[in-house]
């Protein structure tokens, strides 16, 4: 597994070594000792799996209490995955990192606690799987506005069309009004 730095030091791309032949492929998707060395000394307590159609944007989500670190990957299709630093004390507060994750490139993205996370589906549909370091707590769930001018995220919108959003995400707050971490 290669651990690749991004523009925000705490956010990492994980690129597996894929062994393949005419029968298919094999890869390790997680190894605790390497993850601890290169990303975080944390424990995952929940794993989620979603299916989304093209043009759907999920996020940007975070939990203001019981924050979740997430190790995310795509097992079908491809998405543009984004992490936004919500830690006021961080030198990268309000900055974002965007990475294409796909079943083909088999990359994963580590998003630590203190970040908002979201993804936009580029392919016809995408299956998204992610491990979390804390349990989902709806009472602490927050959404950051996907198209906040202050963030200026360069979403690769299919045909330039506005994304499909949940009601919660359509009512999300801009960074200037959002609950943030210290």
N, C-alpha and C. Protein backbone atom coordinates (compact mmCIF):
# COMPACT_ATOMS: atom_id res chain seq x y z
N UNK A 1 0.85 -1.18 0.00
CA UNK A 1 0.00 0.00 0.00
C UNK A 1 0.89 1.24 0.00
N UNK A 2 0.57 2.18 -0.88
CA UNK A 2 1.26 3.47 -0.88
C UNK A 2 0.36 4.47 -0.15
N UNK A 3 0.97 5.32 0.65
CA UNK A 3 0.26 6.39 1.35
C UNK A 3 0.75 7.69 0.73
N UNK A 4 -0.17 8.41 0.08
CA UNK A 4 0.18 9.58 -0.70
C UNK A 4 -0.33 10.84 -0.01
N UNK A 5 0.56 11.81 0.16
CA UNK A 5 0.19 13.08 0.77
C UNK A 5 -0.71 13.87 -0.17
N UNK A 6 -1.57 14.69 0.42
CA UNK A 6 -2.39 15.63 -0.34
C UNK A 6 -2.00 17.04 0.07
N UNK A 7 -2.69 18.03 -0.46
CA UNK A 7 -2.41 19.43 -0.11
C UNK A 7 -2.70 19.73 1.36
N UNK A 8 -3.48 18.88 2.02
CA UNK A 8 -3.72 19.00 3.46
C UNK A 8 -3.07 17.79 4.10
N UNK A 9 -2.05 18.03 4.91
CA UNK A 9 -1.20 16.96 5.43
C UNK A 9 -1.95 15.81 6.11
N UNK A 10 -3.04 16.10 6.80
CA UNK A 10 -3.75 15.05 7.54
C UNK A 10 -4.63 14.16 6.66
N UNK A 11 -4.91 14.61 5.45
CA UNK A 11 -5.74 13.84 4.51
C UNK A 11 -4.79 13.05 3.60
N UNK A 12 -5.01 11.74 3.52
CA UNK A 12 -4.09 10.87 2.76
C UNK A 12 -4.85 10.05 1.72
N UNK A 13 -4.19 9.83 0.59
CA UNK A 13 -4.67 8.89 -0.42
C UNK A 13 -3.97 7.56 -0.15
N UNK A 14 -4.74 6.49 -0.14
CA UNK A 14 -4.18 5.15 0.02
C UNK A 14 -4.33 4.44 -1.32
N UNK A 15 -3.20 3.99 -1.84
CA UNK A 15 -3.21 3.32 -3.15
C UNK A 15 -2.70 1.89 -2.96
N UNK A 16 -3.59 0.91 -3.14
CA UNK A 16 -3.20 -0.47 -2.89
C UNK A 16 -2.32 -1.06 -3.99
N UNK A 17 -1.58 -2.07 -3.63
CA UNK A 17 -0.88 -2.88 -4.61
C UNK A 17 -1.88 -3.93 -5.07
N UNK A 18 -2.14 -3.96 -6.37
CA UNK A 18 -3.14 -4.87 -6.93
C UNK A 18 -2.40 -5.98 -7.66
N UNK A 19 -2.67 -7.22 -7.25
CA UNK A 19 -2.09 -8.39 -7.88
C UNK A 19 -3.17 -9.01 -8.75
N UNK A 20 -2.92 -9.07 -10.05
CA UNK A 20 -3.95 -9.58 -10.94
C UNK A 20 -3.41 -10.51 -12.00
N UNK A 21 -4.30 -11.34 -12.50
CA UNK A 21 -4.02 -12.21 -13.63
C UNK A 21 -5.34 -12.51 -14.33
N UNK A 22 -5.35 -13.51 -15.20
CA UNK A 22 -6.57 -13.81 -15.97
C UNK A 22 -7.75 -14.21 -15.09
N UNK A 23 -7.49 -14.57 -13.84
CA UNK A 23 -8.57 -14.97 -12.92
C UNK A 23 -9.24 -13.78 -12.25
N UNK A 24 -8.56 -12.64 -12.22
CA UNK A 24 -9.09 -11.48 -11.51
C UNK A 24 -7.98 -10.75 -10.78
N UNK A 25 -8.27 -10.28 -9.58
CA UNK A 25 -7.25 -9.55 -8.81
C UNK A 25 -7.42 -9.81 -7.33
N UNK A 26 -6.37 -9.43 -6.58
CA UNK A 26 -6.37 -9.46 -5.13
C UNK A 26 -5.68 -8.18 -4.67
N UNK A 27 -6.20 -7.59 -3.58
CA UNK A 27 -5.53 -6.44 -2.97
C UNK A 27 -5.90 -6.37 -1.51
N UNK A 28 -4.99 -5.86 -0.71
CA UNK A 28 -5.30 -5.53 0.67
C UNK A 28 -5.94 -4.15 0.67
N UNK A 29 -7.04 -3.99 1.40
CA UNK A 29 -7.68 -2.68 1.48
C UNK A 29 -7.41 -2.00 2.83
N UNK A 30 -6.91 -2.76 3.79
CA UNK A 30 -6.62 -2.17 5.09
C UNK A 30 -5.64 -3.05 5.83
N UNK A 31 -4.66 -2.41 6.46
CA UNK A 31 -3.70 -3.08 7.34
C UNK A 31 -3.47 -2.14 8.52
N UNK A 32 -3.90 -2.55 9.69
CA UNK A 32 -3.92 -1.68 10.87
C UNK A 32 -2.56 -1.08 11.20
N UNK A 33 -1.50 -1.87 11.16
CA UNK A 33 -0.19 -1.35 11.55
C UNK A 33 0.31 -0.26 10.60
N UNK A 34 0.07 -0.42 9.29
CA UNK A 34 0.50 0.61 8.34
C UNK A 34 -0.40 1.84 8.44
N UNK A 35 -1.69 1.63 8.62
CA UNK A 35 -2.60 2.75 8.77
C UNK A 35 -2.20 3.59 9.99
N UNK A 36 -1.88 2.91 11.08
CA UNK A 36 -1.45 3.60 12.30
C UNK A 36 -0.17 4.40 12.04
N UNK A 37 0.77 3.82 11.31
CA UNK A 37 2.04 4.48 11.04
C UNK A 37 1.89 5.71 10.13
N UNK A 38 1.07 5.61 9.09
CA UNK A 38 1.01 6.67 8.07
C UNK A 38 -0.20 7.60 8.17
N UNK A 39 -1.25 7.16 8.87
CA UNK A 39 -2.47 7.98 8.91
C UNK A 39 -2.88 8.35 10.33
N UNK A 40 -3.29 7.35 11.10
CA UNK A 40 -3.85 7.65 12.41
C UNK A 40 -3.89 6.41 13.29
N UNK A 41 -3.68 6.61 14.57
CA UNK A 41 -3.83 5.54 15.55
C UNK A 41 -5.28 5.57 16.02
N UNK A 42 -6.15 4.96 15.24
CA UNK A 42 -7.58 5.02 15.52
C UNK A 42 -8.20 3.65 15.31
N UNK A 43 -9.41 3.52 15.76
CA UNK A 43 -10.15 2.26 15.60
C UNK A 43 -11.43 2.57 14.83
N UNK A 44 -11.76 1.71 13.89
CA UNK A 44 -13.01 1.86 13.15
C UNK A 44 -14.11 1.08 13.85
N UNK A 45 -15.30 1.71 13.96
CA UNK A 45 -16.40 1.10 14.71
C UNK A 45 -17.65 0.88 13.87
N UNK A 46 -17.68 1.44 12.67
CA UNK A 46 -18.86 1.33 11.83
C UNK A 46 -18.42 1.34 10.37
N UNK A 47 -19.12 0.56 9.53
CA UNK A 47 -18.86 0.59 8.09
C UNK A 47 -20.18 0.79 7.37
N UNK A 48 -20.17 1.66 6.36
CA UNK A 48 -21.37 1.99 5.60
C UNK A 48 -21.16 1.72 4.11
N UNK A 49 -22.28 1.51 3.41
CA UNK A 49 -22.26 1.22 1.98
C UNK A 49 -23.44 1.94 1.36
N UNK A 50 -23.18 2.76 0.34
CA UNK A 50 -24.27 3.48 -0.33
C UNK A 50 -24.20 3.28 -1.83
N UNK A 51 -25.35 3.43 -2.47
CA UNK A 51 -25.47 3.41 -3.93
C UNK A 51 -26.09 4.74 -4.31
N UNK A 52 -25.49 5.42 -5.28
CA UNK A 52 -26.00 6.70 -5.75
C UNK A 52 -25.93 6.77 -7.26
N UNK A 53 -26.87 7.48 -7.85
CA UNK A 53 -26.94 7.66 -9.30
C UNK A 53 -26.11 8.88 -9.72
N UNK A 54 -25.83 8.96 -11.01
CA UNK A 54 -25.07 10.07 -11.56
C UNK A 54 -25.71 11.41 -11.20
N UNK A 55 -24.87 12.37 -10.85
CA UNK A 55 -25.33 13.71 -10.55
C UNK A 55 -25.72 13.95 -9.11
N UNK A 56 -25.70 12.90 -8.31
CA UNK A 56 -26.02 13.05 -6.89
C UNK A 56 -24.78 13.52 -6.13
N UNK A 57 -24.99 14.51 -5.27
CA UNK A 57 -23.93 14.98 -4.39
C UNK A 57 -24.39 14.72 -2.96
N UNK A 58 -23.57 13.98 -2.24
CA UNK A 58 -23.85 13.68 -0.82
C UNK A 58 -22.81 14.44 0.00
N UNK A 59 -23.30 15.35 0.84
CA UNK A 59 -22.38 16.11 1.67
C UNK A 59 -22.58 17.59 1.46
N UNK A 60 -21.76 18.26 2.09
CA UNK A 60 -20.55 17.94 2.85
C UNK A 60 -20.93 17.72 4.31
N UNK A 61 -20.73 16.51 4.83
CA UNK A 61 -21.22 16.13 6.15
C UNK A 61 -20.10 16.05 7.18
N UNK A 62 -20.49 16.33 8.42
CA UNK A 62 -19.59 16.14 9.56
C UNK A 62 -20.44 16.09 10.82
N UNK A 63 -19.87 15.59 11.89
CA UNK A 63 -20.53 15.56 13.20
C UNK A 63 -19.76 16.48 14.13
N UNK A 64 -20.43 17.49 14.66
CA UNK A 64 -19.78 18.49 15.50
C UNK A 64 -19.37 17.90 16.85
N UNK A 65 -20.11 16.91 17.34
CA UNK A 65 -19.71 16.10 18.49
C UNK A 65 -19.66 14.67 17.99
N UNK A 66 -18.88 13.83 18.68
CA UNK A 66 -18.63 12.47 18.20
C UNK A 66 -18.15 12.50 16.74
N UNK A 67 -17.13 13.32 16.45
CA UNK A 67 -16.67 13.44 15.07
C UNK A 67 -16.20 12.10 14.51
N UNK A 68 -16.38 11.96 13.22
CA UNK A 68 -16.02 10.71 12.55
C UNK A 68 -14.83 10.94 11.61
N UNK A 69 -13.80 10.11 11.77
CA UNK A 69 -12.81 9.96 10.73
C UNK A 69 -13.37 8.94 9.76
N UNK A 70 -13.06 9.07 8.48
CA UNK A 70 -13.61 8.15 7.48
C UNK A 70 -12.53 7.68 6.53
N UNK A 71 -12.53 6.38 6.27
CA UNK A 71 -11.68 5.78 5.25
C UNK A 71 -12.64 5.34 4.14
N UNK A 72 -12.60 6.04 3.00
CA UNK A 72 -13.61 5.89 1.96
C UNK A 72 -13.04 5.28 0.69
N UNK A 73 -13.90 4.52 -0.02
CA UNK A 73 -13.51 3.98 -1.31
C UNK A 73 -14.74 3.69 -2.15
N UNK A 74 -14.53 3.56 -3.44
CA UNK A 74 -15.59 3.26 -4.40
C UNK A 74 -15.37 1.86 -4.93
N UNK A 75 -16.43 1.04 -4.92
CA UNK A 75 -16.31 -0.33 -5.42
C UNK A 75 -17.02 -0.53 -6.75
N UNK A 76 -17.79 0.49 -7.18
CA UNK A 76 -18.41 0.48 -8.50
C UNK A 76 -18.56 1.92 -8.96
N UNK A 77 -18.13 2.21 -10.19
CA UNK A 77 -18.25 3.56 -10.74
C UNK A 77 -17.13 4.47 -10.28
N UNK A 78 -17.39 5.79 -10.37
CA UNK A 78 -16.39 6.75 -9.89
C UNK A 78 -17.05 8.03 -9.41
N UNK A 79 -16.38 8.65 -8.44
CA UNK A 79 -16.87 9.86 -7.79
C UNK A 79 -15.73 10.86 -7.65
N UNK A 80 -16.12 12.10 -7.41
CA UNK A 80 -15.19 13.13 -6.98
C UNK A 80 -15.42 13.30 -5.49
N UNK A 81 -14.41 12.99 -4.69
CA UNK A 81 -14.53 12.96 -3.24
C UNK A 81 -13.82 14.18 -2.65
N UNK A 82 -14.47 14.83 -1.68
CA UNK A 82 -13.94 16.08 -1.14
C UNK A 82 -13.90 16.05 0.39
N UNK A 83 -12.81 16.58 0.93
CA UNK A 83 -12.65 16.78 2.38
C UNK A 83 -12.36 18.27 2.62
N UNK A 84 -13.08 18.87 3.58
CA UNK A 84 -12.90 20.29 3.91
C UNK A 84 -12.48 20.38 5.38
N UNK A 85 -11.39 21.08 5.64
CA UNK A 85 -10.89 21.25 7.00
C UNK A 85 -11.80 22.21 7.77
N UNK A 86 -12.41 21.71 8.85
CA UNK A 86 -13.35 22.49 9.67
C UNK A 86 -12.74 22.85 11.03
N UNK A 87 -11.43 22.71 11.18
CA UNK A 87 -10.74 22.97 12.45
C UNK A 87 -10.19 24.40 12.45
N UNK A 88 -10.83 25.27 13.22
CA UNK A 88 -10.43 26.69 13.25
C UNK A 88 -8.95 26.87 13.61
N UNK A 89 -8.40 26.00 14.43
CA UNK A 89 -7.01 26.14 14.87
C UNK A 89 -6.01 25.64 13.81
N UNK A 90 -6.50 25.09 12.73
CA UNK A 90 -5.63 24.52 11.70
C UNK A 90 -5.18 25.58 10.70
N UNK A 91 -3.95 25.45 10.24
CA UNK A 91 -3.42 26.35 9.20
C UNK A 91 -4.17 26.16 7.88
N UNK A 92 -4.87 25.04 7.74
CA UNK A 92 -5.61 24.77 6.50
C UNK A 92 -7.12 24.88 6.70
N UNK A 93 -7.55 25.58 7.74
CA UNK A 93 -8.98 25.76 7.99
C UNK A 93 -9.66 26.33 6.74
N UNK A 94 -10.78 25.72 6.34
CA UNK A 94 -11.54 26.19 5.18
C UNK A 94 -10.97 25.77 3.85
N UNK A 95 -9.86 25.06 3.85
CA UNK A 95 -9.27 24.54 2.60
C UNK A 95 -9.87 23.17 2.30
N UNK A 96 -9.82 22.78 1.04
CA UNK A 96 -10.39 21.50 0.64
C UNK A 96 -9.41 20.72 -0.24
N UNK A 97 -9.63 19.41 -0.24
CA UNK A 97 -8.90 18.48 -1.11
C UNK A 97 -9.94 17.67 -1.87
N UNK A 98 -9.75 17.52 -3.17
CA UNK A 98 -10.65 16.71 -3.98
C UNK A 98 -9.87 15.64 -4.73
N UNK A 99 -10.41 14.42 -4.72
CA UNK A 99 -9.73 13.28 -5.33
C UNK A 99 -10.75 12.43 -6.08
N UNK A 100 -10.38 11.96 -7.26
CA UNK A 100 -11.25 11.01 -7.96
C UNK A 100 -11.00 9.62 -7.38
N UNK A 101 -12.07 9.00 -6.92
CA UNK A 101 -12.02 7.63 -6.43
C UNK A 101 -12.87 6.79 -7.36
N UNK A 102 -12.36 5.61 -7.72
CA UNK A 102 -13.11 4.76 -8.64
C UNK A 102 -12.85 3.29 -8.37
N UNK A 103 -13.74 2.47 -8.89
CA UNK A 103 -13.52 1.03 -8.83
C UNK A 103 -12.26 0.69 -9.62
N UNK A 104 -11.98 1.44 -10.65
CA UNK A 104 -10.81 1.18 -11.49
C UNK A 104 -9.50 1.54 -10.79
N UNK A 105 -9.41 2.74 -10.20
CA UNK A 105 -8.12 3.12 -9.58
C UNK A 105 -7.94 2.54 -8.18
N UNK A 106 -9.04 2.07 -7.57
CA UNK A 106 -9.01 1.37 -6.29
C UNK A 106 -8.39 2.19 -5.15
N UNK A 107 -8.30 3.48 -5.34
CA UNK A 107 -7.76 4.35 -4.29
C UNK A 107 -8.77 4.53 -3.17
N UNK A 108 -8.24 4.85 -1.99
CA UNK A 108 -9.06 5.20 -0.84
C UNK A 108 -8.61 6.58 -0.36
N UNK A 109 -9.48 7.23 0.40
CA UNK A 109 -9.11 8.52 0.97
C UNK A 109 -9.36 8.46 2.46
N UNK A 110 -8.37 8.89 3.23
CA UNK A 110 -8.50 9.01 4.68
C UNK A 110 -8.84 10.46 5.00
N UNK A 111 -10.00 10.64 5.65
CA UNK A 111 -10.47 11.96 6.08
C UNK A 111 -10.56 11.90 7.61
N UNK A 112 -9.67 12.60 8.31
CA UNK A 112 -9.68 12.51 9.78
C UNK A 112 -10.83 13.29 10.41
N UNK A 113 -11.01 13.09 11.69
CA UNK A 113 -11.98 13.85 12.46
C UNK A 113 -11.69 15.34 12.29
N UNK A 114 -12.74 16.16 12.29
CA UNK A 114 -12.54 17.60 12.14
C UNK A 114 -12.71 18.08 10.71
N UNK A 115 -13.12 17.20 9.82
CA UNK A 115 -13.31 17.55 8.41
C UNK A 115 -14.75 17.29 8.00
N UNK A 116 -15.25 18.12 7.07
CA UNK A 116 -16.51 17.82 6.40
C UNK A 116 -16.15 16.96 5.19
N UNK A 117 -17.06 16.08 4.82
CA UNK A 117 -16.80 15.14 3.72
C UNK A 117 -18.01 15.05 2.81
N UNK A 118 -17.75 14.93 1.53
CA UNK A 118 -18.82 14.73 0.57
C UNK A 118 -18.28 14.15 -0.73
N UNK A 119 -19.21 13.65 -1.55
CA UNK A 119 -18.79 13.16 -2.86
C UNK A 119 -19.88 13.40 -3.89
N UNK A 120 -19.42 13.50 -5.15
CA UNK A 120 -20.30 13.74 -6.29
C UNK A 120 -20.12 12.57 -7.27
N UNK A 121 -21.22 12.00 -7.71
CA UNK A 121 -21.18 10.82 -8.59
C UNK A 121 -21.06 11.26 -10.05
N UNK A 122 -19.98 10.83 -10.69
CA UNK A 122 -19.71 11.16 -12.09
C UNK A 122 -20.20 10.05 -13.02
N UNK A 123 -20.01 8.81 -12.62
CA UNK A 123 -20.43 7.67 -13.44
C UNK A 123 -21.95 7.51 -13.39
N UNK A 124 -22.50 6.57 -14.17
CA UNK A 124 -23.95 6.35 -14.18
C UNK A 124 -24.49 6.05 -12.78
N UNK A 125 -23.72 5.32 -12.01
CA UNK A 125 -24.01 5.09 -10.60
C UNK A 125 -22.71 4.71 -9.93
N UNK A 126 -22.71 4.81 -8.60
CA UNK A 126 -21.50 4.48 -7.85
C UNK A 126 -21.89 3.83 -6.53
N UNK A 127 -21.11 2.83 -6.16
CA UNK A 127 -21.24 2.23 -4.83
C UNK A 127 -20.04 2.68 -4.02
N UNK A 128 -20.36 3.20 -2.84
CA UNK A 128 -19.39 3.88 -1.99
C UNK A 128 -19.37 3.15 -0.65
N UNK A 129 -18.19 2.78 -0.18
CA UNK A 129 -18.03 2.06 1.08
C UNK A 129 -17.08 2.85 1.96
N UNK A 130 -17.43 2.99 3.25
CA UNK A 130 -16.53 3.71 4.14
C UNK A 130 -16.61 3.23 5.57
N UNK A 131 -15.42 3.21 6.18
CA UNK A 131 -15.27 2.88 7.59
C UNK A 131 -15.28 4.19 8.38
N UNK A 132 -15.85 4.16 9.59
CA UNK A 132 -15.94 5.35 10.44
C UNK A 132 -15.31 5.08 11.80
N UNK A 133 -14.72 6.12 12.38
CA UNK A 133 -14.08 6.00 13.69
C UNK A 133 -15.04 6.27 14.83
N UNK A 134 -16.26 6.69 14.53
CA UNK A 134 -17.26 6.92 15.55
C UNK A 134 -18.62 6.58 14.96
N UNK A 135 -19.58 6.32 15.82
CA UNK A 135 -20.92 5.96 15.37
C UNK A 135 -21.67 7.17 14.86
N UNK A 136 -22.57 6.94 13.94
CA UNK A 136 -23.43 8.00 13.42
C UNK A 136 -24.30 8.52 14.56
N UNK A 137 -24.32 9.83 14.72
CA UNK A 137 -25.10 10.49 15.77
C UNK A 137 -25.90 11.61 15.10
N UNK A 138 -27.13 11.32 14.67
CA UNK A 138 -27.91 12.31 13.91
C UNK A 138 -28.08 13.65 14.60
N UNK A 139 -28.11 13.65 15.93
CA UNK A 139 -28.28 14.92 16.66
C UNK A 139 -27.06 15.84 16.52
N UNK A 140 -25.92 15.29 16.12
CA UNK A 140 -24.70 16.08 15.95
C UNK A 140 -24.32 16.26 14.48
N UNK A 141 -25.13 15.72 13.59
CA UNK A 141 -24.87 15.76 12.15
C UNK A 141 -25.04 17.18 11.62
N UNK A 142 -24.10 17.61 10.80
CA UNK A 142 -24.15 18.94 10.18
C UNK A 142 -23.83 18.80 8.69
N UNK A 143 -24.30 19.79 7.92
CA UNK A 143 -23.98 19.85 6.48
C UNK A 143 -23.39 21.22 6.16
N UNK A 144 -22.31 21.20 5.42
CA UNK A 144 -21.65 22.40 4.93
C UNK A 144 -22.10 22.59 3.48
N UNK A 145 -22.41 23.81 3.10
CA UNK A 145 -22.93 24.11 1.77
C UNK A 145 -21.93 23.71 0.68
N UNK A 146 -22.37 22.87 -0.21
CA UNK A 146 -21.50 22.29 -1.25
C UNK A 146 -20.92 23.34 -2.19
N UNK A 147 -21.68 24.43 -2.44
CA UNK A 147 -21.21 25.44 -3.40
C UNK A 147 -20.91 26.78 -2.74
N UNK A 148 -20.49 26.74 -1.49
CA UNK A 148 -20.10 27.94 -0.76
C UNK A 148 -19.00 28.67 -1.53
N UNK A 149 -19.24 29.94 -1.82
CA UNK A 149 -18.26 30.74 -2.59
C UNK A 149 -16.93 30.87 -1.85
N UNK A 150 -16.97 30.87 -0.52
CA UNK A 150 -15.73 30.98 0.26
C UNK A 150 -14.86 29.74 0.05
N UNK A 151 -15.47 28.57 -0.07
CA UNK A 151 -14.72 27.33 -0.28
C UNK A 151 -14.25 27.22 -1.72
N UNK A 152 -15.12 27.60 -2.67
CA UNK A 152 -14.82 27.57 -4.09
C UNK A 152 -14.36 26.18 -4.57
N UNK A 153 -15.12 25.16 -4.19
CA UNK A 153 -14.78 23.79 -4.61
C UNK A 153 -15.07 23.64 -6.09
N UNK A 154 -14.12 23.07 -6.79
CA UNK A 154 -14.23 22.88 -8.24
C UNK A 154 -14.85 21.52 -8.55
N UNK A 155 -16.17 21.41 -8.33
CA UNK A 155 -16.88 20.15 -8.59
C UNK A 155 -16.95 19.89 -10.09
N UNK A 156 -16.64 18.69 -10.54
CA UNK A 156 -16.71 18.35 -11.97
C UNK A 156 -18.15 17.95 -12.36
N UNK A 157 -19.05 18.90 -12.38
CA UNK A 157 -20.47 18.63 -12.61
C UNK A 157 -20.70 18.12 -14.03
N UNK A 158 -21.41 17.01 -14.15
CA UNK A 158 -21.71 16.40 -15.44
C UNK A 158 -22.59 17.37 -16.24
N UNK A 159 -22.13 17.72 -17.43
CA UNK A 159 -22.83 18.66 -18.32
C UNK A 159 -23.13 19.99 -17.64
N UNK A 160 -22.39 20.34 -16.60
CA UNK A 160 -22.57 21.60 -15.90
C UNK A 160 -23.89 21.73 -15.15
N UNK A 161 -24.62 20.62 -15.01
CA UNK A 161 -25.92 20.65 -14.33
C UNK A 161 -25.74 20.67 -12.81
N UNK A 162 -26.64 21.37 -12.14
CA UNK A 162 -26.63 21.40 -10.67
C UNK A 162 -26.82 19.98 -10.15
N UNK A 163 -26.16 19.62 -9.06
CA UNK A 163 -26.29 18.27 -8.52
C UNK A 163 -27.64 18.04 -7.85
N UNK A 164 -28.00 16.77 -7.71
CA UNK A 164 -29.18 16.38 -6.95
C UNK A 164 -28.78 16.28 -5.49
N UNK A 165 -29.54 16.96 -4.61
CA UNK A 165 -29.20 17.03 -3.19
C UNK A 165 -30.34 16.50 -2.34
N UNK A 166 -30.02 16.02 -1.15
CA UNK A 166 -31.05 15.71 -0.16
C UNK A 166 -31.60 17.02 0.37
N UNK A 167 -32.74 16.98 1.03
CA UNK A 167 -33.29 18.19 1.66
C UNK A 167 -32.30 18.78 2.65
N UNK A 168 -31.67 17.91 3.44
CA UNK A 168 -30.69 18.37 4.43
C UNK A 168 -29.54 19.12 3.76
N UNK A 169 -29.02 18.57 2.68
CA UNK A 169 -27.88 19.19 2.01
C UNK A 169 -28.28 20.47 1.27
N UNK A 170 -29.52 20.54 0.80
CA UNK A 170 -30.00 21.76 0.14
C UNK A 170 -30.10 22.92 1.14
N UNK A 171 -30.26 22.60 2.43
CA UNK A 171 -30.38 23.63 3.48
C UNK A 171 -29.07 23.82 4.25
N UNK A 172 -27.97 23.30 3.74
CA UNK A 172 -26.69 23.36 4.43
C UNK A 172 -26.23 24.81 4.61
N UNK A 173 -25.35 25.00 5.58
CA UNK A 173 -24.83 26.33 5.90
C UNK A 173 -23.49 26.59 5.19
N UNK A 174 -23.23 27.84 4.86
CA UNK A 174 -21.89 28.20 4.36
C UNK A 174 -20.89 28.16 5.53
N UNK A 175 -19.64 28.12 5.22
CA UNK A 175 -18.59 28.05 6.24
C UNK A 175 -18.71 29.21 7.24
N UNK A 176 -19.04 30.39 6.76
CA UNK A 176 -19.13 31.56 7.66
C UNK A 176 -20.21 31.43 8.72
N UNK A 177 -21.18 30.52 8.53
CA UNK A 177 -22.26 30.30 9.50
C UNK A 177 -22.22 28.91 10.12
N UNK A 178 -21.28 28.10 9.72
CA UNK A 178 -21.25 26.69 10.14
C UNK A 178 -20.67 26.52 11.54
N UNK A 179 -21.13 25.47 12.21
CA UNK A 179 -20.50 25.03 13.45
C UNK A 179 -19.15 24.44 13.07
N UNK A 180 -18.10 24.87 13.74
CA UNK A 180 -16.75 24.39 13.41
C UNK A 180 -16.10 23.80 14.65
N UNK A 181 -14.99 23.12 14.44
CA UNK A 181 -14.18 22.57 15.53
C UNK A 181 -13.18 23.62 15.98
N UNK A 182 -12.72 23.54 17.24
CA UNK A 182 -11.74 24.52 17.74
C UNK A 182 -10.41 24.35 17.06
